[in-house]
Amino acid sequence: MLSSKVKELISINIVTARSIISMLMIIRIIFLRFKINPNMPIKNKNKAKFI
């Protein structure tokens, strides 16, 4: 009983750690795109809203 519960907790922790790492990678990619091209997407979205 105990060993199976511990294994479940470890597997859940590994899955959450992987999901957190993937989220951080996505956030870094988004920030890199904003650094390369900071004003274009925001201006286009605002123009689309006003039109």
PDB file of N, CA and C in Angstrom:
ATOM      1  N   MET A   1       0.823  -1.207   0.000  1.00  0.00           N
ATOM      2  CA  MET A   1       0.000   0.000   0.000  1.00  0.00           C
ATOM      3  C   MET A   1       0.861   1.263   0.000  1.00  0.00           C
ATOM      4  N   LEU A   2       1.783   1.341   0.942  1.00  0.00           N
ATOM      5  CA  LEU A   2       2.591   2.554   1.067  1.00  0.00           C
ATOM      6  C   LEU A   2       3.439   2.795  -0.174  1.00  0.00           C
ATOM      7  N   SER A   3       4.094   1.753  -0.661  1.00  0.00           N
ATOM      8  CA  SER A   3       4.992   1.938  -1.805  1.00  0.00           C
ATOM      9  C   SER A   3       4.216   2.407  -3.034  1.00  0.00           C
ATOM     10  N   SER A   4       3.007   1.870  -3.258  1.00  0.00           N
ATOM     11  CA  SER A   4       2.227   2.286  -4.423  1.00  0.00           C
ATOM     12  C   SER A   4       1.815   3.752  -4.301  1.00  0.00           C
ATOM     13  N   LYS A   5       1.430   4.178  -3.090  1.00  0.00           N
ATOM     14  CA  LYS A   5       1.053   5.586  -2.900  1.00  0.00           C
ATOM     15  C   LYS A   5       2.252   6.504  -3.114  1.00  0.00           C
ATOM     16  N   VAL A   6       3.408   6.089  -2.619  1.00  0.00           N
ATOM     17  CA  VAL A   6       4.616   6.897  -2.811  1.00  0.00           C
ATOM     18  C   VAL A   6       4.945   6.997  -4.295  1.00  0.00           C
ATOM     19  N   LYS A   7       4.820   5.874  -5.013  1.00  0.00           N
ATOM     20  CA  LYS A   7       5.090   5.898  -6.457  1.00  0.00           C
ATOM     21  C   LYS A   7       4.116   6.830  -7.172  1.00  0.00           C
ATOM     22  N   GLU A   8       2.842   6.814  -6.774  1.00  0.00           N
ATOM     23  CA  GLU A   8       1.861   7.718  -7.389  1.00  0.00           C
ATOM     24  C   GLU A   8       2.242   9.178  -7.143  1.00  0.00           C
ATOM     25  N   LEU A   9       2.628   9.492  -5.905  1.00  0.00           N
ATOM     26  CA  LEU A   9       3.018  10.871  -5.591  1.00  0.00           C
ATOM     27  C   LEU A   9       4.232  11.294  -6.406  1.00  0.00           C
ATOM     28  N   ILE A  10       5.208  10.399  -6.535  1.00  0.00           N
ATOM     29  CA  ILE A  10       6.414  10.731  -7.300  1.00  0.00           C
ATOM     30  C   ILE A  10       6.052  10.972  -8.761  1.00  0.00           C
ATOM     31  N   SER A  11       5.193  10.110  -9.325  1.00  0.00           N
ATOM     32  CA  SER A  11       4.821  10.289 -10.733  1.00  0.00           C
ATOM     33  C   SER A  11       4.054  11.593 -10.925  1.00  0.00           C
ATOM     34  N   ILE A  12       3.167  11.932  -9.987  1.00  0.00           N
ATOM     35  CA  ILE A  12       2.418  13.197 -10.076  1.00  0.00           C
ATOM     36  C   ILE A  12       3.378  14.377 -10.005  1.00  0.00           C
ATOM     37  N   ASN A  13       4.364  14.308  -9.104  1.00  0.00           N
ATOM     38  CA  ASN A  13       5.338  15.393  -8.985  1.00  0.00           C
ATOM     39  C   ASN A  13       6.137  15.550 -10.269  1.00  0.00           C
ATOM     40  N   ILE A  14       6.515  14.434 -10.900  1.00  0.00           N
ATOM     41  CA  ILE A  14       7.273  14.508 -12.153  1.00  0.00           C
ATOM     42  C   ILE A  14       6.421  15.165 -13.234  1.00  0.00           C
ATOM     43  N   VAL A  15       5.147  14.790 -13.313  1.00  0.00           N
ATOM     44  CA  VAL A  15       4.259  15.357 -14.339  1.00  0.00           C
ATOM     45  C   VAL A  15       4.090  16.856 -14.121  1.00  0.00           C
ATOM     46  N   THR A  16       3.871  17.274 -12.863  1.00  0.00           N
ATOM     47  CA  THR A  16       3.688  18.703 -12.595  1.00  0.00           C
ATOM     48  C   THR A  16       4.970  19.467 -12.890  1.00  0.00           C
ATOM     49  N   ALA A  17       6.121  18.897 -12.557  1.00  0.00           N
ATOM     50  CA  ALA A  17       7.388  19.567 -12.841  1.00  0.00           C
ATOM     51  C   ALA A  17       7.571  19.739 -14.344  1.00  0.00           C
ATOM     52  N   ARG A  18       7.233  18.699 -15.121  1.00  0.00           N
ATOM     53  CA  ARG A  18       7.360  18.811 -16.582  1.00  0.00           C
ATOM     54  C   ARG A  18       6.416  19.864 -17.134  1.00  0.00           C
ATOM     55  N   SER A  19       5.184  19.915 -16.625  1.00  0.00           N
ATOM     56  CA  SER A  19       4.231  20.912 -17.120  1.00  0.00           C
ATOM     57  C   SER A  19       4.702  22.320 -16.771  1.00  0.00           C
ATOM     58  N   ILE A  20       5.267  22.497 -15.566  1.00  0.00           N
ATOM     59  CA  ILE A  20       5.779  23.818 -15.169  1.00  0.00           C
ATOM     60  C   ILE A  20       6.943  24.216 -16.072  1.00  0.00           C
ATOM     61  N   ILE A  21       7.835  23.263 -16.376  1.00  0.00           N
ATOM     62  CA  ILE A  21       8.979  23.560 -17.245  1.00  0.00           C
ATOM     63  C   ILE A  21       8.485  23.951 -18.637  1.00  0.00           C
ATOM     64  N   SER A  22       7.490  23.226 -19.160  1.00  0.00           N
ATOM     65  CA  SER A  22       6.977  23.557 -20.491  1.00  0.00           C
ATOM     66  C   SER A  22       6.317  24.937 -20.484  1.00  0.00           C
ATOM     67  N   MET A  23       5.590  25.274 -19.415  1.00  0.00           N
ATOM     68  CA  MET A  23       4.987  26.596 -19.313  1.00  0.00           C
ATOM     69  C   MET A  23       6.057  27.685 -19.299  1.00  0.00           C
ATOM     70  N   LEU A  24       7.141  27.473 -18.531  1.00  0.00           N
ATOM     71  CA  LEU A  24       8.218  28.457 -18.488  1.00  0.00           C
ATOM     72  C   LEU A  24       8.853  28.619 -19.860  1.00  0.00           C
ATOM     73  N   MET A  25       9.031  27.520 -20.597  1.00  0.00           N
ATOM     74  CA  MET A  25       9.611  27.603 -21.938  1.00  0.00           C
ATOM     75  C   MET A  25       8.706  28.419 -22.854  1.00  0.00           C
ATOM     76  N   ILE A  26       7.391  28.194 -22.780  1.00  0.00           N
ATOM     77  CA  ILE A  26       6.450  28.947 -23.620  1.00  0.00           C
ATOM     78  C   ILE A  26       6.521  30.430 -23.268  1.00  0.00           C
ATOM     79  N   ILE A  27       6.574  30.754 -21.966  1.00  0.00           N
ATOM     80  CA  ILE A  27       6.648  32.157 -21.541  1.00  0.00           C
ATOM     81  C   ILE A  27       7.933  32.794 -22.050  1.00  0.00           C
ATOM     82  N   ARG A  28       9.054  32.054 -21.986  1.00  0.00           N
ATOM     83  CA  ARG A  28      10.323  32.594 -22.486  1.00  0.00           C
ATOM     84  C   ARG A  28      10.252  32.853 -23.979  1.00  0.00           C
ATOM     85  N   ILE A  29       9.627  31.941 -24.740  1.00  0.00           N
ATOM     86  CA  ILE A  29       9.508  32.129 -26.190  1.00  0.00           C
ATOM     87  C   ILE A  29       8.684  33.385 -26.469  1.00  0.00           C
ATOM     88  N   ILE A  30       7.594  33.579 -25.724  1.00  0.00           N
ATOM     89  CA  ILE A  30       6.744  34.760 -25.926  1.00  0.00           C
ATOM     90  C   ILE A  30       7.533  36.031 -25.622  1.00  0.00           C
ATOM     91  N   PHE A  31       8.305  36.030 -24.514  1.00  0.00           N
ATOM     92  CA  PHE A  31       9.087  37.222 -24.171  1.00  0.00           C
ATOM     93  C   PHE A  31      10.161  37.487 -25.218  1.00  0.00           C
ATOM     94  N   LEU A  32      10.784  36.424 -25.765  1.00  0.00           N
ATOM     95  CA  LEU A  32      11.787  36.625 -26.811  1.00  0.00           C
ATOM     96  C   LEU A  32      11.148  37.266 -28.037  1.00  0.00           C
ATOM     97  N   ARG A  33       9.932  36.819 -28.398  1.00  0.00           N
ATOM     98  CA  ARG A  33       9.255  37.417 -29.552  1.00  0.00           C
ATOM     99  C   ARG A  33       8.947  38.883 -29.295  1.00  0.00           C
ATOM    100  N   PHE A  34       8.535  39.227 -28.070  1.00  0.00           N
ATOM    101  CA  PHE A  34       8.250  40.626 -27.760  1.00  0.00           C
ATOM    102  C   PHE A  34       9.520  41.463 -27.767  1.00  0.00           C
ATOM    103  N   LYS A  35      10.654  40.895 -27.342  1.00  0.00           N
ATOM    104  CA  LYS A  35      11.914  41.636 -27.381  1.00  0.00           C
ATOM    105  C   LYS A  35      12.345  41.883 -28.818  1.00  0.00           C
ATOM    106  N   ILE A  36      12.150  40.876 -29.695  1.00  0.00           N
ATOM    107  CA  ILE A  36      12.551  41.029 -31.095  1.00  0.00           C
ATOM    108  C   ILE A  36      11.630  42.033 -31.788  1.00  0.00           C
ATOM    109  N   ASN A  37      10.325  41.956 -31.526  1.00  0.00           N
ATOM    110  CA  ASN A  37       9.319  42.751 -32.230  1.00  0.00           C
ATOM    111  C   ASN A  37       8.348  43.317 -31.189  1.00  0.00           C
ATOM    112  N   PRO A  38       8.746  44.288 -30.359  1.00  0.00           N
ATOM    113  CA  PRO A  38       7.959  44.615 -29.164  1.00  0.00           C
ATOM    114  C   PRO A  38       6.638  45.321 -29.446  1.00  0.00           C
ATOM    115  N   ASN A  39       6.582  46.220 -30.440  1.00  0.00           N
ATOM    116  CA  ASN A  39       5.396  47.065 -30.594  1.00  0.00           C
ATOM    117  C   ASN A  39       4.383  46.537 -31.611  1.00  0.00           C
ATOM    118  N   MET A  40       4.816  45.737 -32.557  1.00  0.00           N
ATOM    119  CA  MET A  40       3.935  45.358 -33.663  1.00  0.00           C
ATOM    120  C   MET A  40       2.665  44.631 -33.212  1.00  0.00           C
ATOM    121  N   PRO A  41       2.723  43.518 -32.451  1.00  0.00           N
ATOM    122  CA  PRO A  41       1.480  42.792 -32.165  1.00  0.00           C
ATOM    123  C   PRO A  41       0.503  43.603 -31.321  1.00  0.00           C
ATOM    124  N   ILE A  42       1.015  44.407 -30.386  1.00  0.00           N
ATOM    125  CA  ILE A  42       0.141  45.199 -29.523  1.00  0.00           C
ATOM    126  C   ILE A  42      -0.577  46.260 -30.361  1.00  0.00           C
ATOM    127  N   LYS A  43       0.158  46.964 -31.242  1.00  0.00           N
ATOM    128  CA  LYS A  43      -0.458  47.999 -32.074  1.00  0.00           C
ATOM    129  C   LYS A  43      -1.503  47.391 -33.004  1.00  0.00           C
ATOM    130  N   ASN A  44      -1.200  46.254 -33.616  1.00  0.00           N
ATOM    131  CA  ASN A  44      -2.162  45.618 -34.515  1.00  0.00           C
ATOM    132  C   ASN A  44      -3.439  45.246 -33.769  1.00  0.00           C
ATOM    133  N   LYS A  45      -3.307  44.724 -32.541  1.00  0.00           N
ATOM    134  CA  LYS A  45      -4.497  44.361 -31.769  1.00  0.00           C
ATOM    135  C   LYS A  45      -5.313  45.605 -31.434  1.00  0.00           C
ATOM    136  N   ASN A  46      -4.650  46.707 -31.054  1.00  0.00           N
ATOM    137  CA  ASN A  46      -5.379  47.920 -30.708  1.00  0.00           C
ATOM    138  C   ASN A  46      -6.088  48.504 -31.928  1.00  0.00           C
ATOM    139  N   LYS A  47      -5.421  48.507 -33.086  1.00  0.00           N
ATOM    140  CA  LYS A  47      -6.061  49.015 -34.301  1.00  0.00           C
ATOM    141  C   LYS A  47      -7.275  48.174 -34.658  1.00  0.00           C
ATOM    142  N   ALA A  48      -7.162  46.846 -34.524  1.00  0.00           N
ATOM    143  CA  ALA A  48      -8.286  45.972 -34.838  1.00  0.00           C
ATOM    144  C   ALA A  48      -9.465  46.265 -33.906  1.00  0.00           C
ATOM    145  N   LYS A  49      -9.192  46.562 -32.642  1.00  0.00           N
ATOM    146  CA  LYS A  49     -10.269  46.865 -31.703  1.00  0.00           C
ATOM    147  C   LYS A  49     -10.940  48.187 -32.063  1.00  0.00           C
ATOM    148  N   PHE A  50     -10.152  49.209 -32.421  1.00  0.00           N
ATOM    149  CA  PHE A  50     -10.739  50.510 -32.713  1.00  0.00           C
ATOM    150  C   PHE A  50     -11.518  50.492 -34.025  1.00  0.00           C
ATOM    151  N   ILE A  51     -11.049  49.735 -35.010  1.00  0.00           N
ATOM    152  CA  ILE A  51     -11.765  49.634 -36.290  1.00  0.00           C
ATOM    153  C   ILE A  51     -12.968  48.720 -36.086  1.00  0.00           C
TER     154      ILE A  51
END
